[in-house]
Amino acid sequence: PKGKRISDYSVDNIGFIEEWMNTLPRKILDYRTPEELFEKYLNEIYAA
């Protein structure tokens, strides 16, 4: 929540939230996840 210090959260809790956010399909991404698009673009970069 806004106004709450990040230091109040454990590393495990932050990791859980990070994983949840990166694996959540998004309408703006045509119902793909940020994680899968990131991997796709990394593969394109390394293939070049």
PDB file of N, CA and C in Angstrom:
ATOM      1  N   PRO A   1       0.816  -1.206   0.000  1.00  0.00           N
ATOM      2  CA  PRO A   1       0.000   0.000   0.000  1.00  0.00           C
ATOM      3  C   PRO A   1       0.858   1.268   0.000  1.00  0.00           C
ATOM      4  N   LYS A   2       0.286   2.297  -0.544  1.00  0.00           N
ATOM      5  CA  LYS A   2       0.966   3.582  -0.595  1.00  0.00           C
ATOM      6  C   LYS A   2       1.276   4.053   0.816  1.00  0.00           C
ATOM      7  N   GLY A   3       2.476   4.573   1.001  1.00  0.00           N
ATOM      8  CA  GLY A   3       2.853   5.087   2.304  1.00  0.00           C
ATOM      9  C   GLY A   3       3.482   4.067   3.219  1.00  0.00           C
ATOM     10  N   LYS A   4       3.452   2.803   2.848  1.00  0.00           N
ATOM     11  CA  LYS A   4       4.061   1.754   3.669  1.00  0.00           C
ATOM     12  C   LYS A   4       5.497   1.542   3.204  1.00  0.00           C
ATOM     13  N   ARG A   5       6.398   1.401   4.135  1.00  0.00           N
ATOM     14  CA  ARG A   5       7.807   1.236   3.816  1.00  0.00           C
ATOM     15  C   ARG A   5       8.079  -0.166   3.277  1.00  0.00           C
ATOM     16  N   ILE A   6       8.904  -0.227   2.242  1.00  0.00           N
ATOM     17  CA  ILE A   6       9.234  -1.535   1.658  1.00  0.00           C
ATOM     18  C   ILE A   6      10.059  -2.363   2.634  1.00  0.00           C
ATOM     19  N   SER A   7      10.759  -1.701   3.528  1.00  0.00           N
ATOM     20  CA  SER A   7      11.568  -2.432   4.512  1.00  0.00           C
ATOM     21  C   SER A   7      10.706  -3.178   5.530  1.00  0.00           C
ATOM     22  N   ASP A   8       9.399  -2.891   5.549  1.00  0.00           N
ATOM     23  CA  ASP A   8       8.483  -3.605   6.437  1.00  0.00           C
ATOM     24  C   ASP A   8       8.135  -4.999   5.908  1.00  0.00           C
ATOM     25  N   TYR A   9       8.506  -5.290   4.659  1.00  0.00           N
ATOM     26  CA  TYR A   9       8.190  -6.576   4.037  1.00  0.00           C
ATOM     27  C   TYR A   9       9.414  -7.472   4.034  1.00  0.00           C
ATOM     28  N   SER A  10       9.188  -8.760   4.147  1.00  0.00           N
ATOM     29  CA  SER A  10      10.294  -9.718   4.100  1.00  0.00           C
ATOM     30  C   SER A  10      10.715  -9.946   2.647  1.00  0.00           C
ATOM     31  N   VAL A  11      11.909 -10.458   2.467  1.00  0.00           N
ATOM     32  CA  VAL A  11      12.410 -10.780   1.131  1.00  0.00           C
ATOM     33  C   VAL A  11      11.511 -11.826   0.472  1.00  0.00           C
ATOM     34  N   ASP A  12      11.048 -12.783   1.247  1.00  0.00           N
ATOM     35  CA  ASP A  12      10.148 -13.816   0.709  1.00  0.00           C
ATOM     36  C   ASP A  12       8.833 -13.213   0.235  1.00  0.00           C
ATOM     37  N   ASN A  13       8.293 -12.278   0.999  1.00  0.00           N
ATOM     38  CA  ASN A  13       7.040 -11.631   0.639  1.00  0.00           C
ATOM     39  C   ASN A  13       7.201 -10.820  -0.645  1.00  0.00           C
ATOM     40  N   ILE A  14       8.295 -10.099  -0.769  1.00  0.00           N
ATOM     41  CA  ILE A  14       8.557  -9.314  -1.979  1.00  0.00           C
ATOM     42  C   ILE A  14       8.728 -10.244  -3.178  1.00  0.00           C
ATOM     43  N   GLY A  15       9.434 -11.361  -2.990  1.00  0.00           N
ATOM     44  CA  GLY A  15       9.603 -12.336  -4.061  1.00  0.00           C
ATOM     45  C   GLY A  15       8.285 -12.926  -4.526  1.00  0.00           C
ATOM     46  N   PHE A  16       7.385 -13.195  -3.592  1.00  0.00           N
ATOM     47  CA  PHE A  16       6.065 -13.724  -3.930  1.00  0.00           C
ATOM     48  C   PHE A  16       5.284 -12.716  -4.773  1.00  0.00           C
ATOM     49  N   ILE A  17       5.295 -11.461  -4.363  1.00  0.00           N
ATOM     50  CA  ILE A  17       4.573 -10.416  -5.091  1.00  0.00           C
ATOM     51  C   ILE A  17       5.172 -10.229  -6.487  1.00  0.00           C
ATOM     52  N   GLU A  18       6.495 -10.258  -6.577  1.00  0.00           N
ATOM     53  CA  GLU A  18       7.180 -10.129  -7.868  1.00  0.00           C
ATOM     54  C   GLU A  18       6.769 -11.256  -8.808  1.00  0.00           C
ATOM     55  N   GLU A  19       6.783 -12.480  -8.314  1.00  0.00           N
ATOM     56  CA  GLU A  19       6.397 -13.639  -9.127  1.00  0.00           C
ATOM     57  C   GLU A  19       4.940 -13.527  -9.573  1.00  0.00           C
ATOM     58  N   TRP A  20       4.072 -13.125  -8.673  1.00  0.00           N
ATOM     59  CA  TRP A  20       2.647 -12.988  -8.994  1.00  0.00           C
ATOM     60  C   TRP A  20       2.434 -11.938 -10.086  1.00  0.00           C
ATOM     61  N   MET A  21       3.111 -10.800  -9.964  1.00  0.00           N
ATOM     62  CA  MET A  21       2.936  -9.726 -10.943  1.00  0.00           C
ATOM     63  C   MET A  21       3.469 -10.110 -12.322  1.00  0.00           C
ATOM     64  N   ASN A  22       4.575 -10.845 -12.359  1.00  0.00           N
ATOM     65  CA  ASN A  22       5.190 -11.184 -13.643  1.00  0.00           C
ATOM     66  C   ASN A  22       4.543 -12.370 -14.336  1.00  0.00           C
ATOM     67  N   THR A  23       3.705 -13.113 -13.639  1.00  0.00           N
ATOM     68  CA  THR A  23       3.034 -14.261 -14.257  1.00  0.00           C
ATOM     69  C   THR A  23       1.537 -14.035 -14.429  1.00  0.00           C
ATOM     70  N   LEU A  24       1.102 -12.809 -14.218  1.00  0.00           N
ATOM     71  CA  LEU A  24      -0.313 -12.470 -14.363  1.00  0.00           C
ATOM     72  C   LEU A  24      -0.602 -12.026 -15.799  1.00  0.00           C
ATOM     73  N   PRO A  25      -1.457 -12.739 -16.536  1.00  0.00           N
ATOM     74  CA  PRO A  25      -1.793 -12.311 -17.899  1.00  0.00           C
ATOM     75  C   PRO A  25      -2.458 -10.930 -17.875  1.00  0.00           C
ATOM     76  N   ARG A  26      -2.105 -10.101 -18.852  1.00  0.00           N
ATOM     77  CA  ARG A  26      -2.621  -8.737 -18.902  1.00  0.00           C
ATOM     78  C   ARG A  26      -3.331  -8.474 -20.224  1.00  0.00           C
ATOM     79  N   LYS A  27      -4.456  -7.815 -20.140  1.00  0.00           N
ATOM     80  CA  LYS A  27      -5.228  -7.477 -21.333  1.00  0.00           C
ATOM     81  C   LYS A  27      -4.403  -6.612 -22.279  1.00  0.00           C
ATOM     82  N   ILE A  28      -3.670  -5.645 -21.738  1.00  0.00           N
ATOM     83  CA  ILE A  28      -2.871  -4.739 -22.560  1.00  0.00           C
ATOM     84  C   ILE A  28      -1.776  -5.484 -23.326  1.00  0.00           C
ATOM     85  N   LEU A  29      -1.398  -6.652 -22.845  1.00  0.00           N
ATOM     86  CA  LEU A  29      -0.387  -7.476 -23.510  1.00  0.00           C
ATOM     87  C   LEU A  29      -1.041  -8.602 -24.306  1.00  0.00           C
ATOM     88  N   ASP A  30      -2.293  -8.415 -24.653  1.00  0.00           N
ATOM     89  CA  ASP A  30      -3.062  -9.412 -25.410  1.00  0.00           C
ATOM     90  C   ASP A  30      -3.154 -10.725 -24.633  1.00  0.00           C
ATOM     91  N   TYR A  31      -3.363 -10.596 -23.330  1.00  0.00           N
ATOM     92  CA  TYR A  31      -3.534 -11.710 -22.398  1.00  0.00           C
ATOM     93  C   TYR A  31      -2.307 -12.620 -22.303  1.00  0.00           C
ATOM     94  N   ARG A  32      -1.142 -12.026 -22.553  1.00  0.00           N
ATOM     95  CA  ARG A  32       0.115 -12.722 -22.306  1.00  0.00           C
ATOM     96  C   ARG A  32       0.710 -12.178 -21.020  1.00  0.00           C
ATOM     97  N   THR A  33       1.681 -12.880 -20.491  1.00  0.00           N
ATOM     98  CA  THR A  33       2.301 -12.434 -19.246  1.00  0.00           C
ATOM     99  C   THR A  33       3.547 -11.607 -19.546  1.00  0.00           C
ATOM    100  N   PRO A  34       3.897 -10.682 -18.650  1.00  0.00           N
ATOM    101  CA  PRO A  34       5.140  -9.934 -18.829  1.00  0.00           C
ATOM    102  C   PRO A  34       6.344 -10.879 -18.914  1.00  0.00           C
ATOM    103  N   GLU A  35       6.315 -11.941 -18.145  1.00  0.00           N
ATOM    104  CA  GLU A  35       7.422 -12.891 -18.127  1.00  0.00           C
ATOM    105  C   GLU A  35       7.627 -13.550 -19.494  1.00  0.00           C
ATOM    106  N   GLU A  36       6.545 -13.996 -20.140  1.00  0.00           N
ATOM    107  CA  GLU A  36       6.703 -14.666 -21.420  1.00  0.00           C
ATOM    108  C   GLU A  36       7.139 -13.696 -22.512  1.00  0.00           C
ATOM    109  N   LEU A  37       6.669 -12.460 -22.471  1.00  0.00           N
ATOM    110  CA  LEU A  37       7.101 -11.480 -23.460  1.00  0.00           C
ATOM    111  C   LEU A  37       8.564 -11.097 -23.261  1.00  0.00           C
ATOM    112  N   PHE A  38       8.977 -10.976 -22.023  1.00  0.00           N
ATOM    113  CA  PHE A  38      10.369 -10.681 -21.725  1.00  0.00           C
ATOM    114  C   PHE A  38      11.279 -11.778 -22.278  1.00  0.00           C
ATOM    115  N   GLU A  39      10.899 -13.027 -22.045  1.00  0.00           N
ATOM    116  CA  GLU A  39      11.676 -14.155 -22.562  1.00  0.00           C
ATOM    117  C   GLU A  39      11.708 -14.148 -24.090  1.00  0.00           C
ATOM    118  N   LYS A  40      10.580 -13.833 -24.703  1.00  0.00           N
ATOM    119  CA  LYS A  40      10.505 -13.791 -26.162  1.00  0.00           C
ATOM    120  C   LYS A  40      11.469 -12.744 -26.714  1.00  0.00           C
ATOM    121  N   TYR A  41      11.471 -11.556 -26.138  1.00  0.00           N
ATOM    122  CA  TYR A  41      12.340 -10.495 -26.628  1.00  0.00           C
ATOM    123  C   TYR A  41      13.806 -10.779 -26.330  1.00  0.00           C
ATOM    124  N   LEU A  42      14.092 -11.419 -25.215  1.00  0.00           N
ATOM    125  CA  LEU A  42      15.475 -11.825 -24.954  1.00  0.00           C
ATOM    126  C   LEU A  42      15.958 -12.819 -25.995  1.00  0.00           C
ATOM    127  N   ASN A  43      15.105 -13.765 -26.341  1.00  0.00           N
ATOM    128  CA  ASN A  43      15.476 -14.742 -27.374  1.00  0.00           C
ATOM    129  C   ASN A  43      15.741 -14.061 -28.706  1.00  0.00           C
ATOM    130  N   GLU A  44      14.949 -13.042 -29.055  1.00  0.00           N
ATOM    131  CA  GLU A  44      15.161 -12.303 -30.300  1.00  0.00           C
ATOM    132  C   GLU A  44      16.487 -11.553 -30.261  1.00  0.00           C
ATOM    133  N   ILE A  45      16.829 -10.974 -29.139  1.00  0.00           N
ATOM    134  CA  ILE A  45      18.093 -10.241 -29.003  1.00  0.00           C
ATOM    135  C   ILE A  45      19.276 -11.186 -29.154  1.00  0.00           C
ATOM    136  N   TYR A  46      19.216 -12.325 -28.488  1.00  0.00           N
ATOM    137  CA  TYR A  46      20.334 -13.266 -28.544  1.00  0.00           C
ATOM    138  C   TYR A  46      20.445 -13.959 -29.890  1.00  0.00           C
ATOM    139  N   ALA A  47      19.348 -14.052 -30.626  1.00  0.00           N
ATOM    140  CA  ALA A  47      19.376 -14.676 -31.937  1.00  0.00           C
ATOM    141  C   ALA A  47      20.006 -13.757 -32.984  1.00  0.00           C
ATOM    142  N   ALA A  48      19.991 -12.473 -32.716  1.00  0.00           N
ATOM    143  CA  ALA A  48      20.533 -11.499 -33.695  1.00  0.00           C
ATOM    144  C   ALA A  48      22.035 -11.466 -33.707  1.00  0.00           C
TER     145      ALA A  48
END
